[in-house]
N, C-alpha and C. Protein backbone atom coordinates (compact mmCIF):
# COMPACT_ATOMS: atom_id res chain seq x y z
N UNK A 1 0.85 -1.21 0.00
CA UNK A 1 0.00 0.00 0.00
C UNK A 1 0.87 1.25 0.00
N UNK A 2 1.92 1.25 0.85
CA UNK A 2 2.82 2.40 0.92
C UNK A 2 3.54 2.59 -0.41
N UNK A 3 4.00 1.45 -0.99
CA UNK A 3 4.70 1.53 -2.27
C UNK A 3 3.79 2.08 -3.37
N UNK A 4 2.53 1.65 -3.34
CA UNK A 4 1.56 2.13 -4.34
C UNK A 4 1.34 3.64 -4.20
N UNK A 5 1.20 4.08 -2.95
CA UNK A 5 0.97 5.52 -2.71
C UNK A 5 2.18 6.33 -3.15
N UNK A 6 3.38 5.84 -2.82
CA UNK A 6 4.60 6.57 -3.20
C UNK A 6 4.74 6.64 -4.72
N UNK A 7 4.38 5.55 -5.40
CA UNK A 7 4.43 5.54 -6.86
C UNK A 7 3.46 6.54 -7.44
N UNK A 8 2.28 6.63 -6.87
CA UNK A 8 1.28 7.59 -7.33
C UNK A 8 1.77 9.02 -7.10
N UNK A 9 2.38 9.24 -5.93
CA UNK A 9 2.91 10.56 -5.61
C UNK A 9 3.99 10.97 -6.60
N UNK A 10 4.90 10.03 -6.89
CA UNK A 10 5.99 10.33 -7.81
C UNK A 10 5.46 10.61 -9.21
N UNK A 11 4.46 9.85 -9.64
CA UNK A 11 3.92 10.06 -10.98
C UNK A 11 3.24 11.42 -11.06
N UNK A 12 2.56 11.84 -9.99
CA UNK A 12 1.93 13.16 -9.96
C UNK A 12 2.98 14.25 -9.98
N UNK A 13 4.08 14.00 -9.25
CA UNK A 13 5.17 14.97 -9.20
C UNK A 13 5.77 15.18 -10.59
N UNK A 14 5.96 14.06 -11.31
CA UNK A 14 6.51 14.14 -12.66
C UNK A 14 5.54 14.88 -13.57
N UNK A 15 4.26 14.59 -13.42
CA UNK A 15 3.24 15.23 -14.25
C UNK A 15 3.27 16.75 -14.06
N UNK A 16 3.42 17.19 -12.82
CA UNK A 16 3.48 18.62 -12.54
C UNK A 16 4.72 19.23 -13.19
N UNK A 17 5.86 18.54 -13.04
CA UNK A 17 7.11 19.03 -13.62
C UNK A 17 7.03 19.15 -15.14
N UNK A 18 6.34 18.22 -15.77
CA UNK A 18 6.24 18.23 -17.23
C UNK A 18 5.41 19.41 -17.73
N UNK A 19 4.68 20.04 -16.84
CA UNK A 19 3.88 21.20 -17.23
C UNK A 19 4.59 22.51 -16.89
N UNK A 20 5.85 22.40 -16.48
CA UNK A 20 6.63 23.59 -16.14
C UNK A 20 7.77 23.73 -17.13
N UNK A 21 8.00 24.95 -17.60
CA UNK A 21 8.99 25.20 -18.65
C UNK A 21 9.93 26.34 -18.25
N UNK A 22 11.20 26.18 -18.59
CA UNK A 22 12.17 27.24 -18.36
C UNK A 22 12.50 27.88 -19.70
N UNK A 23 12.13 29.14 -19.84
CA UNK A 23 12.39 29.90 -21.07
C UNK A 23 13.49 30.92 -20.75
N UNK A 24 14.63 30.75 -21.37
CA UNK A 24 15.79 31.60 -21.06
C UNK A 24 16.12 32.48 -22.26
N UNK A 25 16.12 33.78 -22.03
CA UNK A 25 16.56 34.72 -23.05
C UNK A 25 17.99 35.12 -22.76
N UNK A 26 18.88 34.92 -23.72
CA UNK A 26 20.28 35.25 -23.49
C UNK A 26 20.56 36.71 -23.82
N UNK A 27 21.48 37.30 -23.05
CA UNK A 27 21.85 38.69 -23.28
C UNK A 27 22.87 39.12 -22.25
N UNK A 28 23.25 40.37 -22.33
CA UNK A 28 24.18 40.97 -21.36
C UNK A 28 23.44 42.03 -20.56
N UNK A 29 23.71 42.07 -19.26
CA UNK A 29 23.04 43.06 -18.42
C UNK A 29 23.71 44.43 -18.58
N UNK A 30 22.95 45.46 -18.29
CA UNK A 30 23.48 46.81 -18.37
C UNK A 30 22.82 47.61 -19.48
N UNK A 31 22.64 48.88 -19.22
CA UNK A 31 21.93 49.77 -20.14
C UNK A 31 22.59 49.84 -21.52
N UNK A 32 23.92 49.78 -21.56
CA UNK A 32 24.61 49.94 -22.85
C UNK A 32 24.35 48.76 -23.79
N UNK A 33 23.90 47.63 -23.25
CA UNK A 33 23.62 46.46 -24.09
C UNK A 33 22.14 46.30 -24.42
N UNK A 34 21.31 47.11 -23.81
CA UNK A 34 19.87 46.89 -23.83
C UNK A 34 19.28 46.72 -25.23
N UNK A 35 19.68 47.58 -26.17
CA UNK A 35 19.10 47.54 -27.52
C UNK A 35 20.05 46.97 -28.56
N UNK A 36 20.99 46.13 -28.12
CA UNK A 36 21.93 45.53 -29.07
C UNK A 36 21.35 44.24 -29.65
N UNK A 37 21.88 43.85 -30.80
CA UNK A 37 21.42 42.63 -31.47
C UNK A 37 21.67 41.40 -30.60
N UNK A 38 22.77 41.41 -29.88
CA UNK A 38 23.15 40.26 -29.05
C UNK A 38 22.15 40.03 -27.92
N UNK A 39 21.34 41.03 -27.61
CA UNK A 39 20.40 40.94 -26.49
C UNK A 39 18.98 40.57 -26.92
N UNK A 40 18.83 39.98 -28.09
CA UNK A 40 17.48 39.67 -28.57
C UNK A 40 16.76 38.70 -27.63
N UNK A 41 17.50 37.84 -26.94
CA UNK A 41 16.87 36.92 -25.98
C UNK A 41 16.16 37.68 -24.88
N UNK A 42 16.84 38.68 -24.32
CA UNK A 42 16.21 39.54 -23.31
C UNK A 42 14.99 40.24 -23.90
N UNK A 43 15.15 40.72 -25.13
CA UNK A 43 14.10 41.53 -25.76
C UNK A 43 12.82 40.73 -25.98
N UNK A 44 12.97 39.46 -26.38
CA UNK A 44 11.79 38.61 -26.58
C UNK A 44 11.04 38.42 -25.26
N UNK A 45 11.78 38.14 -24.18
CA UNK A 45 11.13 37.94 -22.89
C UNK A 45 10.53 39.24 -22.34
N UNK A 46 11.21 40.35 -22.57
CA UNK A 46 10.64 41.64 -22.15
C UNK A 46 9.35 41.93 -22.90
N UNK A 47 9.31 41.57 -24.17
CA UNK A 47 8.11 41.79 -24.98
C UNK A 47 6.95 40.94 -24.46
N UNK A 48 7.24 39.69 -24.12
CA UNK A 48 6.22 38.81 -23.56
C UNK A 48 5.72 39.36 -22.22
N UNK A 49 6.64 39.80 -21.38
CA UNK A 49 6.26 40.35 -20.08
C UNK A 49 5.40 41.59 -20.23
N UNK A 50 5.75 42.44 -21.19
CA UNK A 50 4.97 43.66 -21.42
C UNK A 50 3.56 43.32 -21.90
N UNK A 51 3.44 42.37 -22.82
CA UNK A 51 2.14 41.99 -23.37
C UNK A 51 1.24 41.36 -22.30
N UNK A 52 1.84 40.64 -21.38
CA UNK A 52 1.06 39.90 -20.37
C UNK A 52 1.06 40.57 -19.00
N UNK A 53 1.58 41.81 -18.94
CA UNK A 53 1.62 42.58 -17.69
C UNK A 53 2.34 41.83 -16.58
N UNK A 54 3.50 41.27 -16.93
CA UNK A 54 4.33 40.56 -15.96
C UNK A 54 5.46 41.46 -15.49
N UNK A 55 5.99 41.17 -14.33
CA UNK A 55 7.06 41.98 -13.76
C UNK A 55 8.25 41.08 -13.41
N UNK A 56 9.40 41.37 -14.00
CA UNK A 56 10.61 40.63 -13.64
C UNK A 56 11.12 41.09 -12.28
N UNK A 57 11.62 40.14 -11.51
CA UNK A 57 12.24 40.46 -10.23
C UNK A 57 13.65 39.88 -10.20
N UNK A 58 14.56 40.61 -9.59
CA UNK A 58 15.94 40.15 -9.50
C UNK A 58 16.02 38.99 -8.53
N UNK A 59 16.61 37.90 -8.99
CA UNK A 59 16.74 36.69 -8.19
C UNK A 59 18.17 36.18 -8.36
N UNK A 60 18.44 35.00 -7.86
CA UNK A 60 19.79 34.46 -7.95
C UNK A 60 20.16 34.21 -9.41
N UNK A 61 21.26 34.79 -9.85
CA UNK A 61 21.84 34.60 -11.19
C UNK A 61 20.97 35.13 -12.32
N UNK A 62 19.96 35.95 -11.99
CA UNK A 62 19.18 36.50 -13.09
C UNK A 62 17.91 37.20 -12.65
N UNK A 63 17.23 37.81 -13.62
CA UNK A 63 15.90 38.38 -13.41
C UNK A 63 14.89 37.34 -13.87
N UNK A 64 13.84 37.18 -13.09
CA UNK A 64 12.93 36.06 -13.29
C UNK A 64 11.49 36.48 -13.08
N UNK A 65 10.59 35.87 -13.82
CA UNK A 65 9.17 36.02 -13.54
C UNK A 65 8.43 34.76 -13.96
N UNK A 66 7.22 34.61 -13.47
CA UNK A 66 6.41 33.42 -13.75
C UNK A 66 5.21 33.81 -14.62
N UNK A 67 5.01 33.04 -15.68
CA UNK A 67 3.88 33.26 -16.58
C UNK A 67 3.07 31.98 -16.63
N UNK A 68 1.79 32.08 -16.31
CA UNK A 68 0.92 30.90 -16.32
C UNK A 68 -0.06 31.00 -17.50
N UNK A 69 -0.18 29.90 -18.23
CA UNK A 69 -1.04 29.88 -19.41
C UNK A 69 -1.62 28.49 -19.59
N UNK A 70 -2.94 28.38 -19.52
CA UNK A 70 -3.66 27.14 -19.80
C UNK A 70 -3.07 25.93 -19.09
N UNK A 71 -2.83 26.08 -17.79
CA UNK A 71 -2.34 24.97 -17.00
C UNK A 71 -0.84 24.76 -17.05
N UNK A 72 -0.15 25.57 -17.86
CA UNK A 72 1.30 25.49 -17.94
C UNK A 72 1.93 26.64 -17.14
N UNK A 73 3.10 26.38 -16.63
CA UNK A 73 3.87 27.40 -15.92
C UNK A 73 5.16 27.65 -16.68
N UNK A 74 5.36 28.88 -17.09
CA UNK A 74 6.58 29.28 -17.80
C UNK A 74 7.45 30.09 -16.83
N UNK A 75 8.63 29.61 -16.54
CA UNK A 75 9.59 30.37 -15.75
C UNK A 75 10.46 31.13 -16.75
N UNK A 76 10.31 32.44 -16.79
CA UNK A 76 11.07 33.28 -17.72
C UNK A 76 12.32 33.79 -17.02
N UNK A 77 13.46 33.58 -17.65
CA UNK A 77 14.73 33.93 -17.01
C UNK A 77 15.64 34.74 -17.94
N UNK A 78 16.14 35.85 -17.40
CA UNK A 78 17.17 36.64 -18.08
C UNK A 78 18.43 36.57 -17.20
N UNK A 79 19.39 35.73 -17.55
CA UNK A 79 20.58 35.57 -16.70
C UNK A 79 21.33 36.89 -16.49
N UNK A 80 21.85 37.04 -15.28
CA UNK A 80 22.63 38.24 -14.96
C UNK A 80 24.13 37.93 -14.93
N UNK A 81 24.50 36.79 -15.50
CA UNK A 81 25.88 36.31 -15.46
C UNK A 81 26.73 36.84 -16.61
N UNK A 82 26.15 37.65 -17.48
CA UNK A 82 26.73 38.01 -18.76
C UNK A 82 26.73 36.78 -19.67
N UNK A 83 26.78 37.03 -20.96
CA UNK A 83 26.57 35.99 -21.97
C UNK A 83 27.48 34.77 -21.77
N UNK A 84 28.75 35.02 -21.49
CA UNK A 84 29.73 33.92 -21.46
C UNK A 84 29.52 32.92 -20.34
N UNK A 85 28.69 33.26 -19.35
CA UNK A 85 28.43 32.35 -18.24
C UNK A 85 26.94 32.01 -18.12
N UNK A 86 26.25 32.09 -19.24
CA UNK A 86 24.79 31.85 -19.25
C UNK A 86 24.43 30.48 -18.70
N UNK A 87 25.25 29.47 -19.00
CA UNK A 87 24.95 28.11 -18.59
C UNK A 87 24.84 27.93 -17.09
N UNK A 88 25.58 28.73 -16.35
CA UNK A 88 25.55 28.64 -14.89
C UNK A 88 24.14 28.94 -14.37
N UNK A 89 23.53 30.00 -14.88
CA UNK A 89 22.18 30.38 -14.46
C UNK A 89 21.15 29.35 -14.94
N UNK A 90 21.32 28.88 -16.16
CA UNK A 90 20.38 27.91 -16.71
C UNK A 90 20.39 26.63 -15.89
N UNK A 91 21.57 26.12 -15.59
CA UNK A 91 21.68 24.88 -14.80
C UNK A 91 21.08 25.06 -13.40
N UNK A 92 21.36 26.20 -12.80
CA UNK A 92 20.85 26.46 -11.45
C UNK A 92 19.33 26.42 -11.43
N UNK A 93 18.68 27.12 -12.37
CA UNK A 93 17.22 27.22 -12.34
C UNK A 93 16.52 25.97 -12.84
N UNK A 94 17.16 25.22 -13.72
CA UNK A 94 16.61 23.91 -14.08
C UNK A 94 16.51 23.03 -12.85
N UNK A 95 17.61 22.99 -12.08
CA UNK A 95 17.64 22.16 -10.87
C UNK A 95 16.71 22.71 -9.79
N UNK A 96 16.75 24.01 -9.58
CA UNK A 96 15.95 24.65 -8.54
C UNK A 96 14.45 24.43 -8.75
N UNK A 97 14.01 24.59 -9.99
CA UNK A 97 12.58 24.46 -10.31
C UNK A 97 12.18 23.03 -10.68
N UNK A 98 13.18 22.11 -10.69
CA UNK A 98 12.92 20.71 -11.04
C UNK A 98 12.24 20.58 -12.40
N UNK A 99 12.81 21.29 -13.36
CA UNK A 99 12.28 21.28 -14.73
C UNK A 99 13.09 20.32 -15.58
N UNK A 100 12.44 19.39 -16.28
CA UNK A 100 13.17 18.45 -17.12
C UNK A 100 13.85 19.17 -18.30
N UNK A 101 14.98 18.63 -18.73
CA UNK A 101 15.77 19.26 -19.78
C UNK A 101 14.96 19.50 -21.05
N UNK A 102 14.05 18.58 -21.36
CA UNK A 102 13.27 18.74 -22.60
C UNK A 102 12.29 19.92 -22.53
N UNK A 103 12.10 20.48 -21.33
CA UNK A 103 11.22 21.64 -21.17
C UNK A 103 12.00 22.95 -21.09
N UNK A 104 13.26 22.91 -21.50
CA UNK A 104 14.10 24.10 -21.58
C UNK A 104 14.09 24.65 -22.99
N UNK A 105 13.97 25.98 -23.11
CA UNK A 105 14.10 26.66 -24.39
C UNK A 105 15.01 27.87 -24.21
N UNK A 106 16.09 27.91 -24.98
CA UNK A 106 17.07 29.00 -24.88
C UNK A 106 16.97 29.88 -26.11
N UNK A 107 16.73 31.17 -25.91
CA UNK A 107 16.54 32.12 -27.01
C UNK A 107 17.82 32.92 -27.22
N UNK A 108 18.30 32.93 -28.45
CA UNK A 108 19.56 33.60 -28.74
C UNK A 108 19.58 34.20 -30.14
N UNK A 109 20.56 35.05 -30.39
CA UNK A 109 20.74 35.65 -31.71
C UNK A 109 21.53 34.70 -32.61
N UNK A 110 21.36 34.86 -33.93
CA UNK A 110 22.08 34.02 -34.88
C UNK A 110 22.47 34.84 -36.11
N UNK A 111 23.77 34.91 -36.33
CA UNK A 111 24.30 35.66 -37.48
C UNK A 111 24.03 34.98 -38.81
N UNK A 112 23.79 33.68 -38.78
CA UNK A 112 23.66 32.91 -40.01
C UNK A 112 22.24 32.89 -40.57
N UNK A 113 21.33 33.60 -39.91
CA UNK A 113 19.94 33.65 -40.37
C UNK A 113 19.59 35.07 -40.78
N UNK A 114 18.74 35.23 -41.78
CA UNK A 114 18.29 36.57 -42.16
C UNK A 114 17.59 37.27 -41.00
N UNK A 115 17.62 38.57 -41.00
CA UNK A 115 17.01 39.33 -39.90
C UNK A 115 15.58 38.88 -39.64
N UNK A 116 15.31 38.60 -38.38
CA UNK A 116 13.94 38.31 -37.94
C UNK A 116 13.47 36.89 -38.17
N UNK A 117 14.23 36.08 -38.88
CA UNK A 117 13.77 34.72 -39.13
C UNK A 117 13.97 33.87 -37.87
N UNK A 118 13.17 32.84 -37.76
CA UNK A 118 13.16 31.98 -36.58
C UNK A 118 13.58 30.57 -36.96
N UNK A 119 14.48 30.01 -36.16
CA UNK A 119 14.82 28.60 -36.33
C UNK A 119 14.91 27.96 -34.95
N UNK A 120 14.02 27.02 -34.70
CA UNK A 120 13.98 26.31 -33.43
C UNK A 120 14.48 24.89 -33.65
N UNK A 121 15.40 24.45 -32.80
CA UNK A 121 15.99 23.12 -32.96
C UNK A 121 16.06 22.43 -31.60
N UNK A 122 16.13 21.10 -31.63
CA UNK A 122 16.20 20.32 -30.39
C UNK A 122 17.63 20.00 -29.98
N UNK A 123 18.58 20.27 -30.86
CA UNK A 123 19.99 20.01 -30.55
C UNK A 123 20.85 20.73 -31.58
N UNK A 124 22.16 20.69 -31.38
CA UNK A 124 23.05 21.31 -32.34
C UNK A 124 24.31 21.84 -31.67
N UNK A 125 25.22 22.33 -32.48
CA UNK A 125 26.46 22.88 -31.95
C UNK A 125 26.21 24.29 -31.41
N UNK A 126 27.23 24.84 -30.77
CA UNK A 126 27.09 26.21 -30.26
C UNK A 126 27.22 27.25 -31.36
N UNK A 127 27.72 26.84 -32.54
CA UNK A 127 27.83 27.75 -33.67
C UNK A 127 28.72 28.95 -33.40
N UNK A 128 29.65 28.81 -32.45
CA UNK A 128 30.52 29.92 -32.12
C UNK A 128 29.91 30.94 -31.17
N UNK A 129 28.70 30.64 -30.67
CA UNK A 129 28.01 31.56 -29.77
C UNK A 129 28.43 31.25 -28.34
N UNK A 130 28.99 32.22 -27.65
CA UNK A 130 29.54 31.98 -26.31
C UNK A 130 28.48 31.59 -25.28
N UNK A 131 27.28 32.14 -25.42
CA UNK A 131 26.21 31.79 -24.49
C UNK A 131 25.80 30.33 -24.64
N UNK A 132 25.69 29.87 -25.89
CA UNK A 132 25.35 28.47 -26.13
C UNK A 132 26.51 27.55 -25.76
N UNK A 133 27.72 28.02 -25.97
CA UNK A 133 28.89 27.21 -25.61
C UNK A 133 28.91 26.93 -24.12
N UNK A 134 28.67 27.95 -23.30
CA UNK A 134 28.67 27.75 -21.86
C UNK A 134 27.49 26.90 -21.42
N UNK A 135 26.35 27.06 -22.07
CA UNK A 135 25.18 26.24 -21.77
C UNK A 135 25.48 24.77 -22.02
N UNK A 136 26.09 24.51 -23.17
CA UNK A 136 26.47 23.14 -23.51
C UNK A 136 27.45 22.57 -22.48
N UNK A 137 28.41 23.38 -22.07
CA UNK A 137 29.39 22.93 -21.09
C UNK A 137 28.75 22.61 -19.74
N UNK A 138 27.87 23.50 -19.28
CA UNK A 138 27.27 23.32 -17.95
C UNK A 138 26.23 22.19 -17.93
N UNK A 139 25.51 22.01 -19.04
CA UNK A 139 24.51 20.95 -19.10
C UNK A 139 25.12 19.62 -19.55
N UNK A 140 26.33 19.72 -20.06
CA UNK A 140 27.06 18.54 -20.54
C UNK A 140 26.32 17.81 -21.66
N UNK A 141 25.67 18.58 -22.51
CA UNK A 141 24.96 17.99 -23.65
C UNK A 141 24.71 19.07 -24.71
N UNK A 142 24.57 18.63 -25.96
CA UNK A 142 24.16 19.53 -27.04
C UNK A 142 22.68 19.34 -27.35
N UNK A 143 22.04 18.44 -26.60
CA UNK A 143 20.64 18.12 -26.85
C UNK A 143 19.73 18.92 -25.92
N UNK A 144 19.55 20.17 -26.25
CA UNK A 144 18.59 21.01 -25.54
C UNK A 144 17.96 21.94 -26.57
N UNK A 145 16.74 22.37 -26.32
CA UNK A 145 16.00 23.18 -27.29
C UNK A 145 16.54 24.60 -27.35
N UNK A 146 16.76 25.06 -28.56
CA UNK A 146 17.22 26.44 -28.72
C UNK A 146 16.41 27.14 -29.81
N UNK A 147 16.19 28.40 -29.59
CA UNK A 147 15.39 29.28 -30.46
C UNK A 147 16.35 30.34 -30.99
N UNK A 148 16.69 30.23 -32.25
CA UNK A 148 17.63 31.17 -32.86
C UNK A 148 16.86 32.26 -33.61
N UNK A 149 17.14 33.48 -33.27
CA UNK A 149 16.51 34.65 -33.90
C UNK A 149 17.55 35.28 -34.84
N UNK A 150 17.24 35.35 -36.12
CA UNK A 150 18.20 35.86 -37.09
C UNK A 150 18.50 37.34 -36.94
N UNK A 151 19.79 37.67 -36.94
CA UNK A 151 20.20 39.09 -36.93
C UNK A 151 20.97 39.43 -38.21
N UNK A 152 21.11 38.45 -39.11
CA UNK A 152 21.81 38.56 -40.40
C UNK A 152 23.31 38.79 -40.20
N UNK A 153 24.04 38.83 -41.31
CA UNK A 153 25.49 39.02 -41.24
C UNK A 153 25.92 40.22 -42.08
N UNK A 154 25.16 41.29 -41.93
CA UNK A 154 25.39 42.50 -42.73
C UNK A 154 26.50 43.37 -42.15
N UNK A 155 27.68 42.80 -42.07
CA UNK A 155 28.82 43.57 -41.56
C UNK A 155 30.04 43.29 -42.42
N UNK A 156 30.96 44.23 -42.46
CA UNK A 156 32.18 44.07 -43.24
C UNK A 156 33.20 43.23 -42.47
N UNK A 157 34.17 42.75 -43.15
CA UNK A 157 35.18 41.87 -42.57
C UNK A 157 35.84 42.51 -41.34
N UNK A 158 35.93 41.73 -40.28
CA UNK A 158 36.56 42.22 -39.06
C UNK A 158 35.65 43.04 -38.16
N UNK A 159 34.39 43.19 -38.55
CA UNK A 159 33.47 44.05 -37.79
C UNK A 159 32.37 43.25 -37.09
N UNK A 160 32.55 41.96 -36.96
CA UNK A 160 31.50 41.11 -36.39
C UNK A 160 31.12 41.52 -34.97
N UNK A 161 32.11 41.73 -34.11
CA UNK A 161 31.83 42.07 -32.71
C UNK A 161 31.09 43.40 -32.62
N UNK A 162 31.54 44.38 -33.42
CA UNK A 162 30.86 45.68 -33.42
C UNK A 162 29.41 45.54 -33.87
N UNK A 163 29.21 44.67 -34.85
CA UNK A 163 27.86 44.47 -35.39
C UNK A 163 26.95 43.80 -34.36
N UNK A 164 27.43 42.71 -33.77
CA UNK A 164 26.64 41.95 -32.80
C UNK A 164 26.31 42.80 -31.57
N UNK A 165 27.28 43.59 -31.13
CA UNK A 165 27.08 44.44 -29.96
C UNK A 165 26.58 45.84 -30.33
N UNK A 166 26.25 46.00 -31.60
CA UNK A 166 25.69 47.27 -32.06
C UNK A 166 24.18 47.28 -31.92
N UNK A 167 23.60 48.48 -32.02
CA UNK A 167 22.15 48.61 -31.89
C UNK A 167 21.46 48.37 -33.22
N UNK A 168 20.19 48.04 -33.14
CA UNK A 168 19.40 47.77 -34.34
C UNK A 168 19.35 49.01 -35.24
N UNK A 169 19.30 48.77 -36.54
CA UNK A 169 19.17 49.88 -37.48
C UNK A 169 17.74 50.42 -37.43
N UNK A 170 17.53 51.55 -38.04
CA UNK A 170 16.19 52.15 -38.07
C UNK A 170 15.20 51.21 -38.76
N UNK A 171 15.63 50.59 -39.85
CA UNK A 171 14.75 49.67 -40.58
C UNK A 171 14.42 48.45 -39.73
N UNK A 172 15.43 47.92 -39.03
CA UNK A 172 15.20 46.76 -38.17
C UNK A 172 14.25 47.10 -37.03
N UNK A 173 14.42 48.28 -36.45
CA UNK A 173 13.54 48.70 -35.36
C UNK A 173 12.09 48.79 -35.82
N UNK A 174 11.88 49.16 -37.07
CA UNK A 174 10.53 49.26 -37.63
C UNK A 174 9.88 47.88 -37.74
N UNK A 175 10.71 46.89 -38.07
CA UNK A 175 10.20 45.54 -38.28
C UNK A 175 10.17 44.68 -37.01
N UNK A 176 10.89 45.09 -36.00
CA UNK A 176 11.02 44.28 -34.78
C UNK A 176 9.70 43.94 -34.08
N UNK A 177 8.76 44.89 -33.90
CA UNK A 177 7.54 44.56 -33.16
C UNK A 177 6.81 43.33 -33.71
N UNK A 178 6.67 43.26 -35.02
CA UNK A 178 5.98 42.10 -35.63
C UNK A 178 6.77 40.82 -35.40
N UNK A 179 8.10 40.92 -35.49
CA UNK A 179 8.97 39.75 -35.28
C UNK A 179 8.93 39.30 -33.82
N UNK A 180 8.82 40.24 -32.92
CA UNK A 180 8.73 39.91 -31.49
C UNK A 180 7.39 39.26 -31.17
N UNK A 181 6.32 39.74 -31.80
CA UNK A 181 5.01 39.11 -31.63
C UNK A 181 5.06 37.64 -32.09
N UNK A 182 5.70 37.43 -33.23
CA UNK A 182 5.84 36.06 -33.75
C UNK A 182 6.66 35.20 -32.79
N UNK A 183 7.68 35.80 -32.22
CA UNK A 183 8.57 35.08 -31.31
C UNK A 183 7.85 34.64 -30.03
N UNK A 184 7.03 35.52 -29.46
CA UNK A 184 6.34 35.13 -28.23
C UNK A 184 5.25 34.11 -28.54
N UNK A 185 4.75 34.14 -29.76
CA UNK A 185 3.83 33.09 -30.19
C UNK A 185 4.52 31.73 -30.20
N UNK A 186 5.77 31.72 -30.62
CA UNK A 186 6.55 30.48 -30.64
C UNK A 186 6.83 29.99 -29.23
N UNK A 187 7.12 30.90 -28.33
CA UNK A 187 7.37 30.53 -26.93
C UNK A 187 6.13 29.88 -26.32
N UNK A 188 4.98 30.48 -26.53
CA UNK A 188 3.73 29.92 -25.99
C UNK A 188 3.45 28.55 -26.61
N UNK A 189 3.67 28.44 -27.92
CA UNK A 189 3.45 27.18 -28.61
C UNK A 189 4.33 26.07 -28.07
N UNK A 190 5.56 26.42 -27.71
CA UNK A 190 6.49 25.43 -27.15
C UNK A 190 5.89 24.75 -25.92
N UNK A 191 5.27 25.54 -25.06
CA UNK A 191 4.67 24.98 -23.86
C UNK A 191 3.33 24.30 -24.10
N UNK A 192 2.56 24.82 -25.04
CA UNK A 192 1.20 24.32 -25.26
C UNK A 192 1.12 23.20 -26.29
N UNK A 193 1.90 23.31 -27.36
CA UNK A 193 1.79 22.37 -28.48
C UNK A 193 2.98 21.43 -28.60
N UNK A 194 4.07 21.73 -27.88
CA UNK A 194 5.25 20.87 -27.95
C UNK A 194 6.27 21.35 -28.96
N UNK A 195 7.47 20.85 -28.83
CA UNK A 195 8.59 21.32 -29.64
C UNK A 195 8.41 20.99 -31.12
N UNK A 196 7.93 19.79 -31.45
CA UNK A 196 7.83 19.41 -32.87
C UNK A 196 6.80 20.24 -33.62
N UNK A 197 5.63 20.42 -33.00
CA UNK A 197 4.61 21.27 -33.64
C UNK A 197 5.09 22.71 -33.77
N UNK A 198 5.83 23.17 -32.76
CA UNK A 198 6.34 24.54 -32.79
C UNK A 198 7.36 24.72 -33.91
N UNK A 199 8.23 23.76 -34.09
CA UNK A 199 9.20 23.83 -35.19
C UNK A 199 8.49 23.85 -36.54
N UNK A 200 7.49 22.99 -36.70
CA UNK A 200 6.76 22.93 -37.96
C UNK A 200 6.01 24.22 -38.26
N UNK A 201 5.51 24.86 -37.20
CA UNK A 201 4.70 26.07 -37.38
C UNK A 201 5.54 27.32 -37.58
N UNK A 202 6.67 27.43 -36.88
CA UNK A 202 7.38 28.69 -36.84
C UNK A 202 8.72 28.73 -37.56
N UNK A 203 9.34 27.60 -37.80
CA UNK A 203 10.66 27.66 -38.45
C UNK A 203 10.58 28.25 -39.85
N UNK A 204 11.44 29.22 -40.08
CA UNK A 204 11.49 29.88 -41.39
C UNK A 204 10.44 30.94 -41.58
N UNK A 205 9.62 31.16 -40.56
CA UNK A 205 8.54 32.14 -40.66
C UNK A 205 9.03 33.54 -40.25
């Protein structure tokens, strides 16, 4: 009887955990980075928070808020570790909130995609991105969900760092709101419809 009850308790615990998601937007803290291309992860989560009247609060290793939608709980996290140590915050909050790895989604910029395009994948290399590199190191796997937001590669030779840490152009700023709306739609879909349906619906859109 005790074993049966414990098994039921554990299955309920797992069920609850499967309905909880960690959505991490990568970026660098500080006003000078706020509107840079490299901070698109922060920007997507800020857009979601603004639309849903959520308030981020400073917590251990990052700013965090909780978003509840149709029985799902989304833990939104903006690491305060700077980009190169993003994995430390991700690992901490995965463990703290008891969220399974498959319910993690990491939002980052991607130079290899046209501006505003979305590519969501379940695994892959870090692609030279320091935030993803540290995440891979801390989680000890390349198999985690990542949401790449295209920032294009419209820079001259030797100017990559300036471009990535530069602010959006006037044209990009005009187009960003629609792209951000699409992005938060993808985040919600990840929790409600699952990773495969989300990839089919949003990749390349």
